[in-house]
């Protein structure tokens, strides 16, 4: 929560051009033990030279939270799969993180997905803070986040990085 208070009190977040592919590789290295343990199939389709304007600490936090959530909320009856790919919009570079996990009932929870202390599955260490902080970090850099999800099929989180 201290992180959240800091985010909300900063008038302008310091950003720089960062290589998104390399940032993902760094995050995957940090959680490599968990990826190996769960036998996660990771598909990284982010171009090697793709740059986004972002705060370095926020980028790592955003990618780490979304990736660990994909693993945490995986379906125990399926081989865990996470795919990272890019779509382009006129004003945004969009990072898509698609998983085949438990999914979220958006009919029921669409207004709560990024809410503070909101959780949708009973999992150990679920506290409803991660997506709230992630949303605040992205919005502090003039971006946005959206989710598409189907129960028992998985979710796709879309992180919109504002172009310069």
N, C-alpha and C. Protein backbone atom coordinates (compact mmCIF):
# COMPACT_ATOMS: atom_id res chain seq x y z
N UNK A 1 0.82 -1.20 0.00
CA UNK A 1 0.00 0.00 0.00
C UNK A 1 0.86 1.26 0.00
N UNK A 2 2.05 1.13 0.55
CA UNK A 2 2.97 2.28 0.52
C UNK A 2 3.29 2.63 -0.93
N UNK A 3 3.46 1.61 -1.76
CA UNK A 3 3.72 1.81 -3.19
C UNK A 3 2.58 2.59 -3.83
N UNK A 4 1.37 2.25 -3.48
CA UNK A 4 0.19 2.91 -4.04
C UNK A 4 0.14 4.37 -3.63
N UNK A 5 0.41 4.66 -2.38
CA UNK A 5 0.41 6.03 -1.90
C UNK A 5 1.47 6.85 -2.65
N UNK A 6 2.64 6.25 -2.88
CA UNK A 6 3.69 6.94 -3.62
C UNK A 6 3.25 7.23 -5.05
N UNK A 7 2.61 6.27 -5.69
CA UNK A 7 2.15 6.44 -7.07
C UNK A 7 1.18 7.59 -7.16
N UNK A 8 0.21 7.62 -6.24
CA UNK A 8 -0.83 8.63 -6.30
C UNK A 8 -0.35 10.02 -5.91
N UNK A 9 0.79 10.12 -5.27
CA UNK A 9 1.29 11.43 -4.86
C UNK A 9 2.28 12.02 -5.85
N UNK A 10 2.70 11.25 -6.84
CA UNK A 10 3.64 11.75 -7.84
C UNK A 10 2.86 12.48 -8.92
N UNK A 11 3.28 13.74 -9.20
CA UNK A 11 2.58 14.51 -10.22
C UNK A 11 2.92 14.01 -11.61
N UNK A 12 4.21 13.75 -11.85
CA UNK A 12 4.62 13.24 -13.16
C UNK A 12 5.60 12.11 -12.94
N UNK A 13 5.26 10.95 -13.46
CA UNK A 13 6.09 9.76 -13.29
C UNK A 13 7.24 9.80 -14.29
N UNK A 14 8.45 9.58 -13.81
CA UNK A 14 9.62 9.56 -14.68
C UNK A 14 9.57 8.31 -15.56
N UNK A 15 9.62 8.53 -16.87
CA UNK A 15 9.56 7.43 -17.82
C UNK A 15 10.75 7.51 -18.76
N UNK A 16 11.06 6.38 -19.36
CA UNK A 16 12.13 6.32 -20.35
C UNK A 16 11.79 5.23 -21.35
N UNK A 17 12.47 5.24 -22.48
CA UNK A 17 12.25 4.20 -23.47
C UNK A 17 12.90 2.91 -22.99
N UNK A 18 12.10 1.85 -22.92
CA UNK A 18 12.56 0.56 -22.41
C UNK A 18 12.23 -0.54 -23.42
N UNK A 19 13.12 -1.51 -23.51
CA UNK A 19 12.91 -2.64 -24.40
C UNK A 19 11.96 -3.62 -23.71
N UNK A 20 10.76 -3.79 -24.28
CA UNK A 20 9.73 -4.61 -23.66
C UNK A 20 10.10 -6.09 -23.66
N UNK A 21 10.72 -6.55 -24.74
CA UNK A 21 11.15 -7.95 -24.83
C UNK A 21 12.15 -8.27 -23.72
N UNK A 22 13.14 -7.40 -23.54
CA UNK A 22 14.15 -7.62 -22.50
C UNK A 22 13.55 -7.53 -21.10
N UNK A 23 12.60 -6.63 -20.92
CA UNK A 23 11.94 -6.50 -19.61
C UNK A 23 11.21 -7.79 -19.26
N UNK A 24 10.55 -8.39 -20.25
CA UNK A 24 9.85 -9.65 -20.00
C UNK A 24 10.85 -10.76 -19.66
N UNK A 25 11.95 -10.84 -20.39
CA UNK A 25 12.95 -11.87 -20.10
C UNK A 25 13.48 -11.73 -18.68
N UNK A 26 13.66 -10.51 -18.22
CA UNK A 26 14.12 -10.27 -16.85
C UNK A 26 13.11 -10.80 -15.83
N UNK A 27 11.83 -10.51 -16.06
CA UNK A 27 10.77 -10.98 -15.16
C UNK A 27 10.70 -12.51 -15.16
N UNK A 28 10.80 -13.10 -16.33
CA UNK A 28 10.75 -14.56 -16.43
C UNK A 28 11.93 -15.21 -15.71
N UNK A 29 13.07 -14.54 -15.73
CA UNK A 29 14.24 -15.04 -15.00
C UNK A 29 14.00 -14.98 -13.49
N UNK A 30 13.41 -13.90 -13.03
CA UNK A 30 13.13 -13.73 -11.60
C UNK A 30 12.22 -14.84 -11.08
N UNK A 31 11.27 -15.27 -11.88
CA UNK A 31 10.32 -16.29 -11.43
C UNK A 31 10.56 -17.64 -12.12
N UNK A 32 11.76 -17.86 -12.61
CA UNK A 32 12.06 -19.08 -13.37
C UNK A 32 11.82 -20.36 -12.57
N UNK A 33 12.08 -20.31 -11.28
CA UNK A 33 11.85 -21.50 -10.44
C UNK A 33 10.37 -21.89 -10.44
N UNK A 34 9.51 -20.90 -10.30
CA UNK A 34 8.07 -21.14 -10.29
C UNK A 34 7.60 -21.63 -11.67
N UNK A 35 8.15 -21.05 -12.73
CA UNK A 35 7.80 -21.45 -14.10
C UNK A 35 8.19 -22.91 -14.33
N UNK A 36 9.37 -23.28 -13.88
CA UNK A 36 9.84 -24.66 -14.03
C UNK A 36 9.00 -25.62 -13.20
N UNK A 37 8.74 -25.25 -11.96
CA UNK A 37 7.96 -26.10 -11.05
C UNK A 37 6.57 -26.40 -11.61
N UNK A 38 5.91 -25.38 -12.18
CA UNK A 38 4.55 -25.54 -12.71
C UNK A 38 4.56 -25.97 -14.18
N UNK A 39 5.75 -26.12 -14.76
CA UNK A 39 5.90 -26.50 -16.18
C UNK A 39 5.11 -25.57 -17.09
N UNK A 40 5.28 -24.28 -16.90
CA UNK A 40 4.56 -23.27 -17.66
C UNK A 40 5.13 -23.16 -19.07
N UNK A 41 4.25 -23.22 -20.05
CA UNK A 41 4.64 -22.99 -21.44
C UNK A 41 4.55 -21.49 -21.69
N UNK A 42 5.69 -20.84 -21.90
CA UNK A 42 5.75 -19.40 -22.13
C UNK A 42 6.00 -19.15 -23.61
N UNK A 43 5.14 -18.36 -24.22
CA UNK A 43 5.31 -17.98 -25.63
C UNK A 43 5.52 -16.47 -25.66
N UNK A 44 6.74 -16.06 -26.00
CA UNK A 44 7.10 -14.64 -26.04
C UNK A 44 7.15 -14.19 -27.50
N UNK A 45 6.09 -13.53 -27.95
CA UNK A 45 6.02 -13.04 -29.32
C UNK A 45 6.29 -11.53 -29.41
N UNK A 46 6.84 -10.97 -28.35
CA UNK A 46 7.18 -9.55 -28.35
C UNK A 46 8.43 -9.36 -29.21
N UNK A 47 8.37 -8.46 -30.19
CA UNK A 47 9.57 -8.23 -31.03
C UNK A 47 10.78 -7.83 -30.18
N UNK A 48 11.95 -8.33 -30.58
CA UNK A 48 13.19 -8.08 -29.83
C UNK A 48 13.52 -6.60 -29.68
N UNK A 49 13.09 -5.79 -30.61
CA UNK A 49 13.49 -4.37 -30.62
C UNK A 49 12.36 -3.42 -30.22
N UNK A 50 11.27 -3.94 -29.66
CA UNK A 50 10.13 -3.09 -29.33
C UNK A 50 10.40 -2.26 -28.07
N UNK A 51 10.26 -0.96 -28.22
CA UNK A 51 10.47 -0.04 -27.10
C UNK A 51 9.13 0.57 -26.68
N UNK A 52 8.97 0.75 -25.37
CA UNK A 52 7.81 1.46 -24.82
C UNK A 52 8.33 2.51 -23.85
N UNK A 53 7.59 3.60 -23.73
CA UNK A 53 7.96 4.64 -22.80
C UNK A 53 7.27 4.36 -21.47
N UNK A 54 8.09 4.07 -20.45
CA UNK A 54 7.53 3.59 -19.19
C UNK A 54 8.53 3.82 -18.06
N UNK A 55 8.02 3.85 -16.86
CA UNK A 55 8.88 3.89 -15.68
C UNK A 55 9.46 2.48 -15.48
N UNK A 56 10.78 2.34 -15.34
CA UNK A 56 11.39 1.00 -15.24
C UNK A 56 10.83 0.14 -14.10
N UNK A 57 10.68 0.71 -12.93
CA UNK A 57 10.16 -0.05 -11.79
C UNK A 57 8.71 -0.45 -12.01
N UNK A 58 7.93 0.44 -12.60
CA UNK A 58 6.53 0.13 -12.87
C UNK A 58 6.42 -0.98 -13.91
N UNK A 59 7.24 -0.92 -14.95
CA UNK A 59 7.18 -1.94 -15.99
C UNK A 59 7.45 -3.32 -15.41
N UNK A 60 8.48 -3.42 -14.60
CA UNK A 60 8.80 -4.71 -13.98
C UNK A 60 7.66 -5.16 -13.07
N UNK A 61 7.11 -4.26 -12.28
CA UNK A 61 6.01 -4.58 -11.37
C UNK A 61 4.77 -5.05 -12.13
N UNK A 62 4.42 -4.34 -13.19
CA UNK A 62 3.24 -4.68 -14.00
C UNK A 62 3.39 -6.07 -14.60
N UNK A 63 4.53 -6.31 -15.23
CA UNK A 63 4.74 -7.60 -15.90
C UNK A 63 4.85 -8.74 -14.89
N UNK A 64 5.49 -8.47 -13.77
CA UNK A 64 5.62 -9.50 -12.73
C UNK A 64 4.26 -9.85 -12.15
N UNK A 65 3.45 -8.85 -11.84
CA UNK A 65 2.14 -9.11 -11.25
C UNK A 65 1.24 -9.88 -12.22
N UNK A 66 1.18 -9.46 -13.47
CA UNK A 66 0.30 -10.15 -14.43
C UNK A 66 0.77 -11.58 -14.69
N UNK A 67 2.08 -11.78 -14.74
CA UNK A 67 2.61 -13.11 -15.00
C UNK A 67 2.39 -14.04 -13.80
N UNK A 68 2.69 -13.56 -12.61
CA UNK A 68 2.49 -14.41 -11.43
C UNK A 68 1.01 -14.70 -11.21
N UNK A 69 0.12 -13.74 -11.55
CA UNK A 69 -1.32 -14.01 -11.46
C UNK A 69 -1.72 -15.10 -12.43
N UNK A 70 -1.18 -15.08 -13.63
CA UNK A 70 -1.50 -16.10 -14.63
C UNK A 70 -1.11 -17.49 -14.11
N UNK A 71 -0.01 -17.54 -13.41
CA UNK A 71 0.45 -18.83 -12.84
C UNK A 71 -0.41 -19.19 -11.62
N UNK A 72 -0.62 -18.23 -10.74
CA UNK A 72 -1.39 -18.48 -9.51
C UNK A 72 -2.81 -18.95 -9.81
N UNK A 73 -3.43 -18.34 -10.81
CA UNK A 73 -4.82 -18.66 -11.14
C UNK A 73 -4.93 -19.60 -12.33
N UNK A 74 -3.94 -20.47 -12.46
CA UNK A 74 -3.98 -21.47 -13.53
C UNK A 74 -4.94 -22.59 -13.16
N UNK A 75 -5.38 -23.29 -14.17
CA UNK A 75 -6.29 -24.43 -14.00
C UNK A 75 -5.44 -25.67 -13.78
N UNK A 76 -5.60 -26.30 -12.63
CA UNK A 76 -4.79 -27.46 -12.27
C UNK A 76 -5.01 -28.65 -13.20
N UNK A 77 -6.07 -28.61 -14.00
CA UNK A 77 -6.37 -29.70 -14.92
C UNK A 77 -5.80 -29.46 -16.33
N UNK A 78 -5.07 -28.35 -16.51
CA UNK A 78 -4.50 -28.03 -17.82
C UNK A 78 -3.01 -27.71 -17.67
N UNK A 79 -2.27 -27.93 -18.74
CA UNK A 79 -0.88 -27.46 -18.80
C UNK A 79 -0.93 -25.94 -18.89
N UNK A 80 -0.23 -25.27 -18.01
CA UNK A 80 -0.27 -23.81 -17.93
C UNK A 80 0.41 -23.20 -19.16
N UNK A 81 -0.28 -22.26 -19.78
CA UNK A 81 0.23 -21.58 -20.96
C UNK A 81 0.04 -20.07 -20.80
N UNK A 82 1.10 -19.33 -21.09
CA UNK A 82 1.03 -17.86 -21.08
C UNK A 82 1.65 -17.37 -22.37
N UNK A 83 0.91 -16.54 -23.09
CA UNK A 83 1.39 -15.99 -24.35
C UNK A 83 1.44 -14.47 -24.25
N UNK A 84 2.56 -13.91 -24.70
CA UNK A 84 2.75 -12.46 -24.71
C UNK A 84 2.84 -12.02 -26.17
N UNK A 85 2.00 -11.06 -26.55
CA UNK A 85 2.07 -10.55 -27.92
C UNK A 85 1.65 -9.09 -27.94
N UNK A 86 1.93 -8.43 -29.05
CA UNK A 86 1.70 -6.99 -29.18
C UNK A 86 0.62 -6.73 -30.23
N UNK A 87 -0.24 -5.77 -29.92
CA UNK A 87 -1.11 -5.20 -30.94
C UNK A 87 -0.84 -3.70 -30.94
N UNK A 88 -1.12 -3.09 -32.06
CA UNK A 88 -0.79 -1.68 -32.22
C UNK A 88 -2.07 -0.87 -32.45
N UNK A 89 -2.15 0.25 -31.77
CA UNK A 89 -3.24 1.19 -31.96
C UNK A 89 -2.62 2.56 -32.23
N UNK A 90 -3.38 3.47 -32.80
CA UNK A 90 -2.78 4.77 -33.16
C UNK A 90 -2.03 5.46 -32.01
N UNK A 91 -2.60 5.46 -30.81
CA UNK A 91 -1.99 6.17 -29.69
C UNK A 91 -1.30 5.27 -28.67
N UNK A 92 -1.41 3.95 -28.86
CA UNK A 92 -0.90 3.01 -27.86
C UNK A 92 -0.20 1.81 -28.48
N UNK A 93 0.81 1.34 -27.78
CA UNK A 93 1.37 0.01 -28.02
C UNK A 93 0.73 -0.87 -26.95
N UNK A 94 0.13 -1.98 -27.36
CA UNK A 94 -0.65 -2.79 -26.44
C UNK A 94 0.04 -4.14 -26.20
N UNK A 95 0.42 -4.37 -24.94
CA UNK A 95 0.95 -5.65 -24.53
C UNK A 95 -0.23 -6.53 -24.13
N UNK A 96 -0.34 -7.69 -24.77
CA UNK A 96 -1.39 -8.66 -24.45
C UNK A 96 -0.75 -9.83 -23.72
N UNK A 97 -1.32 -10.19 -22.59
CA UNK A 97 -0.86 -11.35 -21.84
C UNK A 97 -2.06 -12.29 -21.75
N UNK A 98 -1.97 -13.41 -22.48
CA UNK A 98 -3.08 -14.35 -22.58
C UNK A 98 -2.73 -15.64 -21.86
N UNK A 99 -3.64 -16.08 -20.98
CA UNK A 99 -3.41 -17.34 -20.27
C UNK A 99 -4.59 -18.28 -20.48
N UNK A 100 -4.43 -19.52 -20.07
CA UNK A 100 -5.50 -20.51 -20.19
C UNK A 100 -5.97 -20.97 -18.81
N UNK A 101 -6.02 -20.02 -17.90
CA UNK A 101 -6.33 -20.34 -16.51
C UNK A 101 -7.80 -20.40 -16.17
N UNK A 102 -8.11 -20.09 -14.93
CA UNK A 102 -9.46 -20.21 -14.39
C UNK A 102 -10.43 -19.20 -14.99
N UNK A 103 -9.91 -18.07 -15.41
CA UNK A 103 -10.76 -17.03 -15.96
C UNK A 103 -11.52 -16.29 -14.87
N UNK A 104 -12.14 -15.20 -15.27
CA UNK A 104 -12.91 -14.35 -14.35
C UNK A 104 -14.31 -14.19 -14.93
N UNK A 105 -15.31 -14.33 -14.09
CA UNK A 105 -16.70 -14.13 -14.51
C UNK A 105 -16.94 -12.62 -14.64
N UNK A 106 -16.75 -12.10 -15.86
CA UNK A 106 -16.88 -10.66 -16.06
C UNK A 106 -18.33 -10.19 -16.01
N UNK A 107 -19.27 -11.07 -16.26
CA UNK A 107 -20.68 -10.69 -16.11
C UNK A 107 -20.94 -10.29 -14.66
N UNK A 108 -20.31 -11.00 -13.76
CA UNK A 108 -20.52 -10.79 -12.33
C UNK A 108 -19.56 -9.76 -11.74
N UNK A 109 -18.30 -9.76 -12.21
CA UNK A 109 -17.26 -8.97 -11.54
C UNK A 109 -16.65 -7.86 -12.39
N UNK A 110 -17.21 -7.53 -13.55
CA UNK A 110 -16.55 -6.60 -14.46
C UNK A 110 -16.18 -5.26 -13.81
N UNK A 111 -16.99 -4.77 -12.91
CA UNK A 111 -16.70 -3.48 -12.27
C UNK A 111 -15.72 -3.59 -11.11
N UNK A 112 -15.37 -4.82 -10.72
CA UNK A 112 -14.50 -5.02 -9.57
C UNK A 112 -13.11 -5.54 -9.90
N UNK A 113 -12.86 -5.89 -11.16
CA UNK A 113 -11.60 -6.57 -11.52
C UNK A 113 -10.38 -5.81 -11.01
N UNK A 114 -10.37 -4.50 -11.15
CA UNK A 114 -9.21 -3.71 -10.74
C UNK A 114 -9.44 -2.97 -9.43
N UNK A 115 -10.43 -3.42 -8.66
CA UNK A 115 -10.76 -2.78 -7.39
C UNK A 115 -9.85 -3.24 -6.26
N UNK A 116 -9.70 -2.40 -5.28
CA UNK A 116 -8.87 -2.70 -4.11
C UNK A 116 -9.54 -3.78 -3.26
N UNK A 117 -8.76 -4.77 -2.89
CA UNK A 117 -9.18 -5.90 -2.06
C UNK A 117 -10.22 -6.80 -2.75
N UNK A 118 -10.26 -6.78 -4.08
CA UNK A 118 -11.21 -7.62 -4.81
C UNK A 118 -10.50 -8.89 -5.27
N UNK A 119 -11.04 -10.04 -4.91
CA UNK A 119 -10.52 -11.32 -5.37
C UNK A 119 -11.68 -12.14 -5.92
N UNK A 120 -11.37 -13.06 -6.83
CA UNK A 120 -12.42 -13.80 -7.54
C UNK A 120 -12.27 -15.31 -7.44
N UNK A 121 -11.18 -15.75 -6.83
CA UNK A 121 -10.93 -17.17 -6.63
C UNK A 121 -10.31 -17.34 -5.25
N UNK A 122 -10.56 -18.45 -4.63
CA UNK A 122 -9.98 -18.72 -3.31
C UNK A 122 -8.62 -19.37 -3.49
N UNK A 123 -7.61 -18.54 -3.46
CA UNK A 123 -6.24 -19.01 -3.60
C UNK A 123 -5.42 -18.42 -2.45
N UNK A 124 -4.44 -19.18 -2.02
CA UNK A 124 -3.55 -18.71 -0.97
C UNK A 124 -2.83 -17.46 -1.47
N UNK A 125 -2.63 -16.51 -0.61
CA UNK A 125 -1.94 -15.25 -0.91
C UNK A 125 -2.71 -14.34 -1.87
N UNK A 126 -4.01 -14.53 -2.01
CA UNK A 126 -4.83 -13.61 -2.81
C UNK A 126 -5.32 -12.51 -1.89
N UNK A 127 -4.90 -11.27 -2.19
CA UNK A 127 -5.30 -10.18 -1.32
C UNK A 127 -6.00 -9.03 -2.03
N UNK A 128 -6.10 -9.10 -3.36
CA UNK A 128 -6.82 -8.07 -4.09
C UNK A 128 -6.11 -6.74 -4.18
N UNK A 129 -4.80 -6.76 -4.08
CA UNK A 129 -4.03 -5.51 -4.17
C UNK A 129 -3.29 -5.40 -5.50
N UNK A 130 -2.83 -6.52 -6.04
CA UNK A 130 -1.96 -6.52 -7.22
C UNK A 130 -2.53 -5.83 -8.44
N UNK A 131 -3.74 -6.19 -8.86
CA UNK A 131 -4.32 -5.57 -10.05
C UNK A 131 -4.67 -4.10 -9.81
N UNK A 132 -5.01 -3.77 -8.58
CA UNK A 132 -5.29 -2.38 -8.23
C UNK A 132 -4.03 -1.53 -8.40
N UNK A 133 -2.92 -2.00 -7.88
CA UNK A 133 -1.65 -1.27 -8.02
C UNK A 133 -1.24 -1.22 -9.48
N UNK A 134 -1.37 -2.34 -10.18
CA UNK A 134 -1.01 -2.38 -11.60
C UNK A 134 -1.79 -1.34 -12.39
N UNK A 135 -3.09 -1.25 -12.16
CA UNK A 135 -3.92 -0.27 -12.85
C UNK A 135 -3.46 1.16 -12.54
N UNK A 136 -3.16 1.43 -11.29
CA UNK A 136 -2.70 2.76 -10.90
C UNK A 136 -1.35 3.11 -11.54
N UNK A 137 -0.44 2.13 -11.60
CA UNK A 137 0.86 2.36 -12.24
C UNK A 137 0.68 2.70 -13.71
N UNK A 138 -0.12 1.93 -14.40
CA UNK A 138 -0.34 2.16 -15.83
C UNK A 138 -1.00 3.51 -16.08
N UNK A 139 -2.02 3.80 -15.30
CA UNK A 139 -2.73 5.07 -15.49
C UNK A 139 -1.87 6.27 -15.14
N UNK A 140 -0.91 6.10 -14.23
CA UNK A 140 -0.03 7.22 -13.87
C UNK A 140 0.89 7.60 -15.04
N UNK A 141 0.98 6.70 -16.03
CA UNK A 141 1.81 6.96 -17.22
C UNK A 141 0.92 7.20 -18.45
N UNK A 142 -0.33 7.59 -18.21
CA UNK A 142 -1.30 7.89 -19.26
C UNK A 142 -1.67 6.68 -20.12
N UNK A 143 -1.55 5.50 -19.53
CA UNK A 143 -1.97 4.28 -20.20
C UNK A 143 -3.26 3.76 -19.61
N UNK A 144 -3.60 2.55 -19.96
CA UNK A 144 -4.80 1.93 -19.41
C UNK A 144 -4.63 0.42 -19.46
N UNK A 145 -5.52 -0.30 -18.77
CA UNK A 145 -5.50 -1.75 -18.76
C UNK A 145 -6.93 -2.25 -18.92
N UNK A 146 -7.08 -3.32 -19.69
CA UNK A 146 -8.37 -3.95 -19.89
C UNK A 146 -8.20 -5.45 -19.76
N UNK A 147 -9.31 -6.15 -19.59
CA UNK A 147 -9.27 -7.61 -19.52
C UNK A 147 -10.43 -8.20 -20.29
N UNK A 148 -10.14 -9.29 -20.99
CA UNK A 148 -11.15 -10.15 -21.59
C UNK A 148 -10.99 -11.49 -20.90
N UNK A 149 -12.09 -12.11 -20.52
CA UNK A 149 -11.95 -13.36 -19.78
C UNK A 149 -13.20 -14.21 -19.90
N UNK A 150 -12.99 -15.52 -19.88
CA UNK A 150 -14.09 -16.48 -19.84
C UNK A 150 -13.75 -17.53 -18.79
N UNK A 151 -14.71 -17.81 -17.94
CA UNK A 151 -14.52 -18.80 -16.89
C UNK A 151 -14.12 -20.14 -17.52
N UNK A 152 -13.11 -20.76 -16.94
CA UNK A 152 -12.56 -22.06 -17.36
C UNK A 152 -11.84 -22.02 -18.71
N UNK A 153 -11.69 -20.85 -19.29
CA UNK A 153 -10.95 -20.74 -20.56
C UNK A 153 -9.70 -19.90 -20.41
N UNK A 154 -9.76 -18.87 -19.57
CA UNK A 154 -8.59 -18.03 -19.36
C UNK A 154 -8.89 -16.56 -19.53
N UNK A 155 -7.82 -15.78 -19.47
CA UNK A 155 -7.93 -14.32 -19.53
C UNK A 155 -6.87 -13.75 -20.45
N UNK A 156 -7.19 -12.59 -21.01
CA UNK A 156 -6.20 -11.79 -21.74
C UNK A 156 -6.21 -10.40 -21.13
N UNK A 157 -5.10 -10.03 -20.53
CA UNK A 157 -4.93 -8.68 -20.02
C UNK A 157 -4.25 -7.85 -21.09
N UNK A 158 -4.77 -6.65 -21.32
CA UNK A 158 -4.24 -5.76 -22.34
C UNK A 158 -3.73 -4.49 -21.65
N UNK A 159 -2.42 -4.30 -21.75
CA UNK A 159 -1.77 -3.14 -21.13
C UNK A 159 -1.44 -2.14 -22.24
N UNK A 160 -2.03 -0.96 -22.15
CA UNK A 160 -1.88 0.08 -23.17
C UNK A 160 -0.80 1.06 -22.73
N UNK A 161 0.32 1.04 -23.45
CA UNK A 161 1.40 1.99 -23.21
C UNK A 161 1.24 3.16 -24.18
N UNK A 162 1.14 4.36 -23.62
CA UNK A 162 0.95 5.57 -24.43
C UNK A 162 2.19 5.80 -25.29
N UNK A 163 1.95 6.04 -26.58
CA UNK A 163 3.05 6.39 -27.48
C UNK A 163 3.42 7.85 -27.26
N UNK A 164 4.66 8.17 -27.54
CA UNK A 164 5.13 9.57 -27.38
C UNK A 164 4.49 10.46 -28.42
